[in-house]
Amino acid sequence: QYLFVNNRPVRDKLLLGAVKGAYQGVLEIGRYPLC
């Protein structure tokens, strides 16, 4: 999971949590999407 803010790489908890939340209900627990 690669995230960039104004082209700078980040590992931000808010953004990672949002990605996880967006897949809730369509991805089984313990699995992670790529992005």
Full PDB file with SEQRES, HELIX, SHEET, SSBOND, CRYST1, ORIGX, SCALE, CONECT and MASTER records, all heavy atoms in Angstrom:
SEQRES   1 A   35  GLN TYR LEU PHE VAL ASN ASN ARG PRO VAL ARG ASP LYS          
SEQRES   2 A   35  LEU LEU LEU GLY ALA VAL LYS GLY ALA TYR GLN GLY VAL          
SEQRES   3 A   35  LEU GLU ILE GLY ARG TYR PRO LEU CYS                          
HELIX    1 AA1 LYS A   13  ALA A   22  1                                  10    
SHEET    1 AA1 2 LEU A   3  VAL A   5  0                                        
SHEET    2 AA1 2 ARG A   8  VAL A  10 -1                                        
CRYST1    1.000    1.000    1.000  90.00  90.00  90.00 P 1           1          
ORIGX1      1.000000  0.000000  0.000000        0.00000                         
ORIGX2      0.000000  1.000000  0.000000        0.00000                         
ORIGX3      0.000000  0.000000  1.000000        0.00000                         
SCALE1      1.000000  0.000000  0.000000        0.00000                         
SCALE2      0.000000  1.000000  0.000000        0.00000                         
SCALE3      0.000000  0.000000  1.000000        0.00000                         
ATOM      1  N   GLN A   1       0.860  -1.180   0.000  1.00  0.00           N  
ATOM      2  CA  GLN A   1       0.000   0.000   0.000  1.00  0.00           C  
ATOM      3  C   GLN A   1       0.896   1.229   0.000  1.00  0.00           C  
ATOM      4  O   GLN A   1       1.566   1.526   0.995  1.00  0.00           O  
ATOM      5  CB  GLN A   1      -0.934  -0.008   1.213  1.00  0.00           C  
ATOM      6  CG  GLN A   1      -1.934  -1.158   1.179  1.00  0.00           C  
ATOM      7  CD  GLN A   1      -2.902  -1.144   2.344  1.00  0.00           C  
ATOM      8  OE1 GLN A   1      -2.771  -0.358   3.288  1.00  0.00           O  
ATOM      9  NE2 GLN A   1      -3.899  -2.025   2.296  1.00  0.00           N  
ATOM     10  N   TYR A   2       0.925   1.929  -1.120  1.00  0.00           N  
ATOM     11  CA  TYR A   2       1.814   3.072  -1.308  1.00  0.00           C  
ATOM     12  C   TYR A   2       0.991   4.355  -1.320  1.00  0.00           C  
ATOM     13  O   TYR A   2       0.044   4.493  -2.094  1.00  0.00           O  
ATOM     14  CB  TYR A   2       2.588   2.940  -2.615  1.00  0.00           C  
ATOM     15  CG  TYR A   2       3.500   1.731  -2.660  1.00  0.00           C  
ATOM     16  CD1 TYR A   2       3.082   0.540  -3.253  1.00  0.00           C  
ATOM     17  CD2 TYR A   2       4.777   1.782  -2.112  1.00  0.00           C  
ATOM     18  CE1 TYR A   2       3.914  -0.573  -3.289  1.00  0.00           C  
ATOM     19  CE2 TYR A   2       5.612   0.673  -2.150  1.00  0.00           C  
ATOM     20  CZ  TYR A   2       5.176  -0.496  -2.740  1.00  0.00           C  
ATOM     21  OH  TYR A   2       6.006  -1.590  -2.773  1.00  0.00           O  
ATOM     22  N   LEU A   3       1.354   5.281  -0.440  1.00  0.00           N  
ATOM     23  CA  LEU A   3       0.624   6.536  -0.300  1.00  0.00           C  
ATOM     24  C   LEU A   3       1.582   7.714  -0.477  1.00  0.00           C  
ATOM     25  O   LEU A   3       2.717   7.685   0.009  1.00  0.00           O  
ATOM     26  CB  LEU A   3      -0.039   6.609   1.079  1.00  0.00           C  
ATOM     27  CG  LEU A   3      -0.941   5.428   1.460  1.00  0.00           C  
ATOM     28  CD1 LEU A   3      -1.376   5.554   2.913  1.00  0.00           C  
ATOM     29  CD2 LEU A   3      -2.159   5.356   0.545  1.00  0.00           C  
ATOM     30  N   PHE A   4       1.103   8.751  -1.156  1.00  0.00           N  
ATOM     31  CA  PHE A   4       1.941   9.913  -1.441  1.00  0.00           C  
ATOM     32  C   PHE A   4       1.134  11.184  -1.209  1.00  0.00           C  
ATOM     33  O   PHE A   4       0.010  11.309  -1.698  1.00  0.00           O  
ATOM     34  CB  PHE A   4       2.428   9.888  -2.892  1.00  0.00           C  
ATOM     35  CG  PHE A   4       3.165   8.626  -3.264  1.00  0.00           C  
ATOM     36  CD1 PHE A   4       2.467   7.489  -3.656  1.00  0.00           C  
ATOM     37  CD2 PHE A   4       4.545   8.574  -3.199  1.00  0.00           C  
ATOM     38  CE1 PHE A   4       3.142   6.315  -3.988  1.00  0.00           C  
ATOM     39  CE2 PHE A   4       5.232   7.410  -3.525  1.00  0.00           C  
ATOM     40  CZ  PHE A   4       4.528   6.281  -3.918  1.00  0.00           C  
ATOM     41  N   VAL A   5       1.697  12.105  -0.457  1.00  0.00           N  
ATOM     42  CA  VAL A   5       1.061  13.398  -0.238  1.00  0.00           C  
ATOM     43  C   VAL A   5       1.945  14.454  -0.885  1.00  0.00           C  
ATOM     44  O   VAL A   5       3.105  14.622  -0.504  1.00  0.00           O  
ATOM     45  CB  VAL A   5       0.874  13.689   1.263  1.00  0.00           C  
ATOM     46  CG1 VAL A   5       0.351  15.113   1.469  1.00  0.00           C  
ATOM     47  CG2 VAL A   5      -0.091  12.679   1.879  1.00  0.00           C  
ATOM     48  N   ASN A   6       1.406  15.126  -1.879  1.00  0.00           N  
ATOM     49  CA  ASN A   6       2.172  16.091  -2.675  1.00  0.00           C  
ATOM     50  C   ASN A   6       3.475  15.472  -3.168  1.00  0.00           C  
ATOM     51  O   ASN A   6       4.548  16.073  -3.102  1.00  0.00           O  
ATOM     52  CB  ASN A   6       2.417  17.371  -1.890  1.00  0.00           C  
ATOM     53  CG  ASN A   6       1.132  18.140  -1.625  1.00  0.00           C  
ATOM     54  OD1 ASN A   6       0.103  17.903  -2.275  1.00  0.00           O  
ATOM     55  ND2 ASN A   6       1.156  19.047  -0.663  1.00  0.00           N  
ATOM     56  N   ASN A   7       3.347  14.231  -3.639  1.00  0.00           N  
ATOM     57  CA  ASN A   7       4.430  13.440  -4.248  1.00  0.00           C  
ATOM     58  C   ASN A   7       5.477  12.947  -3.250  1.00  0.00           C  
ATOM     59  O   ASN A   7       6.513  12.410  -3.648  1.00  0.00           O  
ATOM     60  CB  ASN A   7       5.120  14.208  -5.378  1.00  0.00           C  
ATOM     61  CG  ASN A   7       5.014  13.489  -6.704  1.00  0.00           C  
ATOM     62  OD1 ASN A   7       4.012  12.825  -6.979  1.00  0.00           O  
ATOM     63  ND2 ASN A   7       6.024  13.600  -7.534  1.00  0.00           N  
ATOM     64  N   ARG A   8       5.209  13.108  -1.964  1.00  0.00           N  
ATOM     65  CA  ARG A   8       6.139  12.608  -0.949  1.00  0.00           C  
ATOM     66  C   ARG A   8       5.590  11.311  -0.356  1.00  0.00           C  
ATOM     67  O   ARG A   8       4.438  11.258   0.078  1.00  0.00           O  
ATOM     68  CB  ARG A   8       6.327  13.635   0.171  1.00  0.00           C  
ATOM     69  CG  ARG A   8       7.285  13.169   1.286  1.00  0.00           C  
ATOM     70  CD  ARG A   8       7.325  14.156   2.414  1.00  0.00           C  
ATOM     71  NE  ARG A   8       7.922  15.405   1.984  1.00  0.00           N  
ATOM     72  CZ  ARG A   8       9.234  15.652   1.993  1.00  0.00           C  
ATOM     73  NH1 ARG A   8      10.072  14.730   2.424  1.00  0.00           N  
ATOM     74  NH2 ARG A   8       9.702  16.813   1.593  1.00  0.00           N  
ATOM     75  N   PRO A   9       6.398  10.238  -0.317  1.00  0.00           N  
ATOM     76  CA  PRO A   9       5.923   8.973   0.253  1.00  0.00           C  
ATOM     77  C   PRO A   9       5.617   9.118   1.742  1.00  0.00           C  
ATOM     78  O   PRO A   9       6.391   9.719   2.487  1.00  0.00           O  
ATOM     79  CB  PRO A   9       7.107   8.016   0.040  1.00  0.00           C  
ATOM     80  CG  PRO A   9       7.965   8.666  -1.004  1.00  0.00           C  
ATOM     81  CD  PRO A   9       7.773  10.136  -0.836  1.00  0.00           C  
ATOM     82  N   VAL A  10       4.475   8.568   2.170  1.00  0.00           N  
ATOM     83  CA  VAL A  10       4.099   8.606   3.587  1.00  0.00           C  
ATOM     84  C   VAL A  10       3.523   7.247   3.987  1.00  0.00           C  
ATOM     85  O   VAL A  10       3.122   6.452   3.141  1.00  0.00           O  
ATOM     86  CB  VAL A  10       3.064   9.721   3.889  1.00  0.00           C  
ATOM     87  CG1 VAL A  10       3.614  11.089   3.540  1.00  0.00           C  
ATOM     88  CG2 VAL A  10       1.756   9.459   3.140  1.00  0.00           C  
ATOM     89  N   ARG A  11       3.500   6.993   5.296  1.00  0.00           N  
ATOM     90  CA  ARG A  11       2.799   5.834   5.875  1.00  0.00           C  
ATOM     91  C   ARG A  11       1.894   6.407   6.961  1.00  0.00           C  
ATOM     92  O   ARG A  11       2.198   6.341   8.142  1.00  0.00           O  
ATOM     93  CB  ARG A  11       3.796   4.831   6.460  1.00  0.00           C  
ATOM     94  CG  ARG A  11       4.646   4.122   5.439  1.00  0.00           C  
ATOM     95  CD  ARG A  11       3.850   3.130   4.614  1.00  0.00           C  
ATOM     96  NE  ARG A  11       3.350   2.006   5.391  1.00  0.00           N  
ATOM     97  CZ  ARG A  11       2.579   1.047   4.873  1.00  0.00           C  
ATOM     98  NH1 ARG A  11       2.189   1.112   3.609  1.00  0.00           N  
ATOM     99  NH2 ARG A  11       2.167   0.046   5.638  1.00  0.00           N  
ATOM    100  N   ASP A  12       0.801   6.974   6.524  1.00  0.00           N  
ATOM    101  CA  ASP A  12      -0.065   7.723   7.421  1.00  0.00           C  
ATOM    102  C   ASP A  12      -1.218   6.869   7.926  1.00  0.00           C  
ATOM    103  O   ASP A  12      -1.916   6.216   7.152  1.00  0.00           O  
ATOM    104  CB  ASP A  12      -0.618   8.955   6.678  1.00  0.00           C  
ATOM    105  CG  ASP A  12      -1.372   9.880   7.598  1.00  0.00           C  
ATOM    106  OD1 ASP A  12      -0.721  10.667   8.301  1.00  0.00           O  
ATOM    107  OD2 ASP A  12      -2.614   9.792   7.635  1.00  0.00           O  
ATOM    108  N   LYS A  13      -1.422   6.864   9.238  1.00  0.00           N  
ATOM    109  CA  LYS A  13      -2.434   6.008   9.851  1.00  0.00           C  
ATOM    110  C   LYS A  13      -3.839   6.361   9.394  1.00  0.00           C  
ATOM    111  O   LYS A  13      -4.673   5.476   9.173  1.00  0.00           O  
ATOM    112  CB  LYS A  13      -2.334   6.102  11.374  1.00  0.00           C  
ATOM    113  CG  LYS A  13      -1.031   5.552  11.949  1.00  0.00           C  
ATOM    114  CD  LYS A  13      -0.973   5.724  13.453  1.00  0.00           C  
ATOM    115  CE  LYS A  13       0.340   5.205  14.023  1.00  0.00           C  
ATOM    116  NZ  LYS A  13       0.422   5.406  15.500  1.00  0.00           N  
ATOM    117  N   LEU A  14      -4.118   7.652   9.247  1.00  0.00           N  
ATOM    118  CA  LEU A  14      -5.449   8.066   8.810  1.00  0.00           C  
ATOM    119  C   LEU A  14      -5.756   7.510   7.418  1.00  0.00           C  
ATOM    120  O   LEU A  14      -6.836   6.954   7.179  1.00  0.00           O  
ATOM    121  CB  LEU A  14      -5.541   9.592   8.778  1.00  0.00           C  
ATOM    122  CG  LEU A  14      -6.807  10.167   8.141  1.00  0.00           C  
ATOM    123  CD1 LEU A  14      -8.011   9.923   9.037  1.00  0.00           C  
ATOM    124  CD2 LEU A  14      -6.655  11.660   7.848  1.00  0.00           C  
ATOM    125  N   LEU A  15      -4.812   7.629   6.519  1.00  0.00           N  
ATOM    126  CA  LEU A  15      -5.018   7.186   5.143  1.00  0.00           C  
ATOM    127  C   LEU A  15      -5.078   5.661   5.054  1.00  0.00           C  
ATOM    128  O   LEU A  15      -5.917   5.106   4.337  1.00  0.00           O  
ATOM    129  CB  LEU A  15      -3.915   7.732   4.247  1.00  0.00           C  
ATOM    130  CG  LEU A  15      -3.781   9.266   4.220  1.00  0.00           C  
ATOM    131  CD1 LEU A  15      -2.648   9.687   3.299  1.00  0.00           C  
ATOM    132  CD2 LEU A  15      -5.096   9.911   3.784  1.00  0.00           C  
ATOM    133  N   LEU A  16      -4.185   4.980   5.777  1.00  0.00           N  
ATOM    134  CA  LEU A  16      -4.202   3.519   5.782  1.00  0.00           C  
ATOM    135  C   LEU A  16      -5.519   2.988   6.354  1.00  0.00           C  
ATOM    136  O   LEU A  16      -6.082   2.014   5.847  1.00  0.00           O  
ATOM    137  CB  LEU A  16      -3.019   2.980   6.585  1.00  0.00           C  
ATOM    138  CG  LEU A  16      -1.631   3.188   5.965  1.00  0.00           C  
ATOM    139  CD1 LEU A  16      -0.539   2.820   6.966  1.00  0.00           C  
ATOM    140  CD2 LEU A  16      -1.480   2.367   4.686  1.00  0.00           C  
ATOM    141  N   GLY A  17      -6.004   3.644   7.391  1.00  0.00           N  
ATOM    142  CA  GLY A  17      -7.272   3.252   7.985  1.00  0.00           C  
ATOM    143  C   GLY A  17      -8.441   3.469   7.030  1.00  0.00           C  
ATOM    144  O   GLY A  17      -9.382   2.673   6.998  1.00  0.00           O  
ATOM    145  N   ALA A  18      -8.368   4.551   6.247  1.00  0.00           N  
ATOM    146  CA  ALA A  18      -9.425   4.837   5.290  1.00  0.00           C  
ATOM    147  C   ALA A  18      -9.458   3.789   4.183  1.00  0.00           C  
ATOM    148  O   ALA A  18     -10.531   3.364   3.739  1.00  0.00           O  
ATOM    149  CB  ALA A  18      -9.231   6.230   4.702  1.00  0.00           C  
ATOM    150  N   VAL A  19      -8.275   3.372   3.723  1.00  0.00           N  
ATOM    151  CA  VAL A  19      -8.208   2.323   2.698  1.00  0.00           C  
ATOM    152  C   VAL A  19      -8.838   1.035   3.234  1.00  0.00           C  
ATOM    153  O   VAL A  19      -9.640   0.383   2.556  1.00  0.00           O  
ATOM    154  CB  VAL A  19      -6.753   2.074   2.257  1.00  0.00           C  
ATOM    155  CG1 VAL A  19      -6.665   0.839   1.363  1.00  0.00           C  
ATOM    156  CG2 VAL A  19      -6.185   3.292   1.543  1.00  0.00           C  
ATOM    157  N   LYS A  20      -8.476   0.683   4.464  1.00  0.00           N  
ATOM    158  CA  LYS A  20      -9.038  -0.520   5.084  1.00  0.00           C  
ATOM    159  C   LYS A  20     -10.549  -0.414   5.201  1.00  0.00           C  
ATOM    160  O   LYS A  20     -11.287  -1.375   4.904  1.00  0.00           O  
ATOM    161  CB  LYS A  20      -8.413  -0.725   6.466  1.00  0.00           C  
ATOM    162  CG  LYS A  20      -8.898  -1.963   7.200  1.00  0.00           C  
ATOM    163  CD  LYS A  20      -8.211  -2.120   8.549  1.00  0.00           C  
ATOM    164  CE  LYS A  20      -8.695  -3.360   9.274  1.00  0.00           C  
ATOM    165  NZ  LYS A  20      -8.024  -3.505  10.601  1.00  0.00           N  
ATOM    166  N   GLY A  21     -11.028   0.741   5.627  1.00  0.00           N  
ATOM    167  CA  GLY A  21     -12.461   0.937   5.784  1.00  0.00           C  
ATOM    168  C   GLY A  21     -13.216   0.864   4.471  1.00  0.00           C  
ATOM    169  O   GLY A  21     -14.351   0.375   4.423  1.00  0.00           O  
ATOM    170  N   ALA A  22     -12.590   1.324   3.384  1.00  0.00           N  
ATOM    171  CA  ALA A  22     -13.258   1.327   2.084  1.00  0.00           C  
ATOM    172  C   ALA A  22     -13.521  -0.091   1.587  1.00  0.00           C  
ATOM    173  O   ALA A  22     -14.485  -0.334   0.850  1.00  0.00           O  
ATOM    174  CB  ALA A  22     -12.411   2.093   1.069  1.00  0.00           C  
ATOM    175  N   TYR A  23     -12.683  -1.039   1.995  1.00  0.00           N  
ATOM    176  CA  TYR A  23     -12.824  -2.426   1.562  1.00  0.00           C  
ATOM    177  C   TYR A  23     -13.629  -3.276   2.542  1.00  0.00           C  
ATOM    178  O   TYR A  23     -13.810  -4.469   2.317  1.00  0.00           O  
ATOM    179  CB  TYR A  23     -11.451  -3.064   1.364  1.00  0.00           C  
ATOM    180  CG  TYR A  23     -10.801  -2.713   0.051  1.00  0.00           C  
ATOM    181  CD1 TYR A  23     -10.114  -1.523  -0.111  1.00  0.00           C  
ATOM    182  CD2 TYR A  23     -10.867  -3.585  -1.043  1.00  0.00           C  
ATOM    183  CE1 TYR A  23      -9.507  -1.197  -1.321  1.00  0.00           C  
ATOM    184  CE2 TYR A  23     -10.270  -3.273  -2.250  1.00  0.00           C  
ATOM    185  CZ  TYR A  23      -9.589  -2.078  -2.386  1.00  0.00           C  
ATOM    186  OH  TYR A  23      -8.996  -1.753  -3.582  1.00  0.00           O  
ATOM    187  N   GLN A  24     -14.096  -2.651   3.614  1.00  0.00           N  
ATOM    188  CA  GLN A  24     -14.856  -3.401   4.606  1.00  0.00           C  
ATOM    189  C   GLN A  24     -16.105  -4.009   3.965  1.00  0.00           C  
ATOM    190  O   GLN A  24     -16.872  -3.326   3.280  1.00  0.00           O  
ATOM    191  CB  GLN A  24     -15.268  -2.489   5.769  1.00  0.00           C  
ATOM    192  CG  GLN A  24     -15.896  -3.225   6.931  1.00  0.00           C  
ATOM    193  CD  GLN A  24     -16.112  -2.299   8.122  1.00  0.00           C  
ATOM    194  OE1 GLN A  24     -15.778  -1.127   8.088  1.00  0.00           O  
ATOM    195  NE2 GLN A  24     -16.676  -2.851   9.195  1.00  0.00           N  
ATOM    196  N   GLY A  25     -16.292  -5.298   4.159  1.00  0.00           N  
ATOM    197  CA  GLY A  25     -17.452  -5.970   3.601  1.00  0.00           C  
ATOM    198  C   GLY A  25     -17.189  -6.647   2.264  1.00  0.00           C  
ATOM    199  O   GLY A  25     -17.984  -7.480   1.821  1.00  0.00           O  
ATOM    200  N   VAL A  26     -16.071  -6.290   1.606  1.00  0.00           N  
ATOM    201  CA  VAL A  26     -15.751  -6.915   0.319  1.00  0.00           C  
ATOM    202  C   VAL A  26     -14.417  -7.655   0.366  1.00  0.00           C  
ATOM    203  O   VAL A  26     -14.027  -8.296  -0.610  1.00  0.00           O  
ATOM    204  CB  VAL A  26     -15.716  -5.877  -0.826  1.00  0.00           C  
ATOM    205  CG1 VAL A  26     -17.082  -5.241  -1.006  1.00  0.00           C  
ATOM    206  CG2 VAL A  26     -14.651  -4.812  -0.570  1.00  0.00           C  
ATOM    207  N   LEU A  27     -13.727  -7.552   1.510  1.00  0.00           N  
ATOM    208  CA  LEU A  27     -12.429  -8.213   1.663  1.00  0.00           C  
ATOM    209  C   LEU A  27     -12.402  -8.912   3.015  1.00  0.00           C  
ATOM    210  O   LEU A  27     -12.755  -8.317   4.037  1.00  0.00           O  
ATOM    211  CB  LEU A  27     -11.303  -7.177   1.582  1.00  0.00           C  
ATOM    212  CG  LEU A  27      -9.886  -7.689   1.330  1.00  0.00           C  
ATOM    213  CD1 LEU A  27      -9.801  -8.393  -0.021  1.00  0.00           C  
ATOM    214  CD2 LEU A  27      -8.895  -6.532   1.354  1.00  0.00           C  
ATOM    215  N   GLU A  28     -12.027 -10.162   3.042  1.00  0.00           N  
ATOM    216  CA  GLU A  28     -12.052 -10.910   4.288  1.00  0.00           C  
ATOM    217  C   GLU A  28     -11.018 -10.383   5.284  1.00  0.00           C  
ATOM    218  O   GLU A  28      -9.989  -9.808   4.890  1.00  0.00           O  
ATOM    219  CB  GLU A  28     -11.818 -12.392   4.028  1.00  0.00           C  
ATOM    220  CG  GLU A  28     -10.495 -12.735   3.376  1.00  0.00           C  
ATOM    221  CD  GLU A  28     -10.363 -14.213   3.095  1.00  0.00           C  
ATOM    222  OE1 GLU A  28      -9.980 -14.961   4.022  1.00  0.00           O  
ATOM    223  OE2 GLU A  28     -10.647 -14.633   1.962  1.00  0.00           O  
ATOM    224  N   ILE A  29     -11.272 -10.551   6.556  1.00  0.00           N  
ATOM    225  CA  ILE A  29     -10.393 -10.077   7.615  1.00  0.00           C  
ATOM    226  C   ILE A  29      -9.014 -10.734   7.489  1.00  0.00           C  
ATOM    227  O   ILE A  29      -8.910 -11.936   7.231  1.00  0.00           O  
ATOM    228  CB  ILE A  29     -11.008 -10.384   8.995  1.00  0.00           C  
ATOM    229  CG1 ILE A  29     -12.324  -9.626   9.160  1.00  0.00           C  
ATOM    230  CG2 ILE A  29     -10.032 -10.009  10.113  1.00  0.00           C  
ATOM    231  CD1 ILE A  29     -13.057  -9.950  10.443  1.00  0.00           C  
ATOM    232  N   GLY A  30      -7.970  -9.928   7.660  1.00  0.00           N  
ATOM    233  CA  GLY A  30      -6.617 -10.447   7.563  1.00  0.00           C  
ATOM    234  C   GLY A  30      -6.018 -10.344   6.177  1.00  0.00           C  
ATOM    235  O   GLY A  30      -4.844 -10.690   5.976  1.00  0.00           O  
ATOM    236  N   ARG A  31      -6.797  -9.845   5.205  1.00  0.00           N  
ATOM    237  CA  ARG A  31      -6.287  -9.638   3.854  1.00  0.00           C  
ATOM    238  C   ARG A  31      -6.259  -8.135   3.557  1.00  0.00           C  
ATOM    239  O   ARG A  31      -7.051  -7.369   4.108  1.00  0.00           O  
ATOM    240  CB  ARG A  31      -7.163 -10.360   2.828  1.00  0.00           C  
ATOM    241  CG  ARG A  31      -7.335 -11.830   3.074  1.00  0.00           C  
ATOM    242  CD  ARG A  31      -6.010 -12.581   3.056  1.00  0.00           C  
ATOM    243  NE  ARG A  31      -5.357 -12.495   1.735  1.00  0.00           N  
ATOM    244  CZ  ARG A  31      -4.206 -13.094   1.456  1.00  0.00           C  
ATOM    245  NH1 ARG A  31      -3.586 -13.815   2.392  1.00  0.00           N  
ATOM    246  NH2 ARG A  31      -3.677 -12.998   0.251  1.00  0.00           N  
ATOM    247  N   TYR A  32      -5.322  -7.717   2.721  1.00  0.00           N  
ATOM    248  CA  TYR A  32      -5.124  -6.293   2.447  1.00  0.00           C  
ATOM    249  C   TYR A  32      -5.106  -6.022   0.949  1.00  0.00           C  
ATOM    250  O   TYR A  32      -4.479  -6.767   0.178  1.00  0.00           O  
ATOM    251  CB  TYR A  32      -3.810  -5.818   3.056  1.00  0.00           C  
ATOM    252  CG  TYR A  32      -3.747  -5.924   4.558  1.00  0.00           C  
ATOM    253  CD1 TYR A  32      -3.410  -7.128   5.169  1.00  0.00           C  
ATOM    254  CD2 TYR A  32      -4.042  -4.833   5.364  1.00  0.00           C  
ATOM    255  CE1 TYR A  32      -3.367  -7.235   6.549  1.00  0.00           C  
ATOM    256  CE2 TYR A  32      -3.992  -4.928   6.749  1.00  0.00           C  
ATOM    257  CZ  TYR A  32      -3.648  -6.135   7.335  1.00  0.00           C  
ATOM    258  OH  TYR A  32      -3.611  -6.245   8.691  1.00  0.00           O  
ATOM    259  N   PRO A  33      -5.751  -4.944   0.511  1.00  0.00           N  
ATOM    260  CA  PRO A  33      -5.689  -4.578  -0.903  1.00  0.00           C  
ATOM    261  C   PRO A  33      -4.340  -3.959  -1.236  1.00  0.00           C  
ATOM    262  O   PRO A  33      -3.623  -3.489  -0.347  1.00  0.00           O  
ATOM    263  CB  PRO A  33      -6.810  -3.548  -1.042  1.00  0.00           C  
ATOM    264  CG  PRO A  33      -6.863  -2.896   0.313  1.00  0.00           C  
ATOM    265  CD  PRO A  33      -6.577  -4.005   1.296  1.00  0.00           C  
ATOM    266  N   LEU A  34      -3.993  -3.945  -2.498  1.00  0.00           N  
ATOM    267  CA  LEU A  34      -2.806  -3.247  -2.971  1.00  0.00           C  
ATOM    268  C   LEU A  34      -3.265  -1.893  -3.497  1.00  0.00           C  
ATOM    269  O   LEU A  34      -4.376  -1.766  -4.047  1.00  0.00           O  
ATOM    270  CB  LEU A  34      -2.104  -4.017  -4.082  1.00  0.00           C  
ATOM    271  CG  LEU A  34      -1.382  -5.320  -3.717  1.00  0.00           C  
ATOM    272  CD1 LEU A  34      -2.366  -6.436  -3.379  1.00  0.00           C  
ATOM    273  CD2 LEU A  34      -0.472  -5.763  -4.852  1.00  0.00           C  
ATOM    274  N   CYS A  35      -2.437  -0.882  -3.351  1.00  0.00           N  
ATOM    275  CA  CYS A  35      -2.837   0.424  -3.859  1.00  0.00           C  
ATOM    276  C   CYS A  35      -1.636   1.350  -4.003  1.00  0.00           C  
ATOM    277  O   CYS A  35      -0.589   1.152  -3.374  1.00  0.00           O  
ATOM    278  CB  CYS A  35      -3.882   1.068  -2.946  1.00  0.00           C  
ATOM    279  SG  CYS A  35      -3.263   1.528  -1.302  1.00  0.00           S  
TER     280      CYS A  35                                                      
MASTER        0    0    0    1    2    0    0    6  279    1    0    3          
END                                                                             
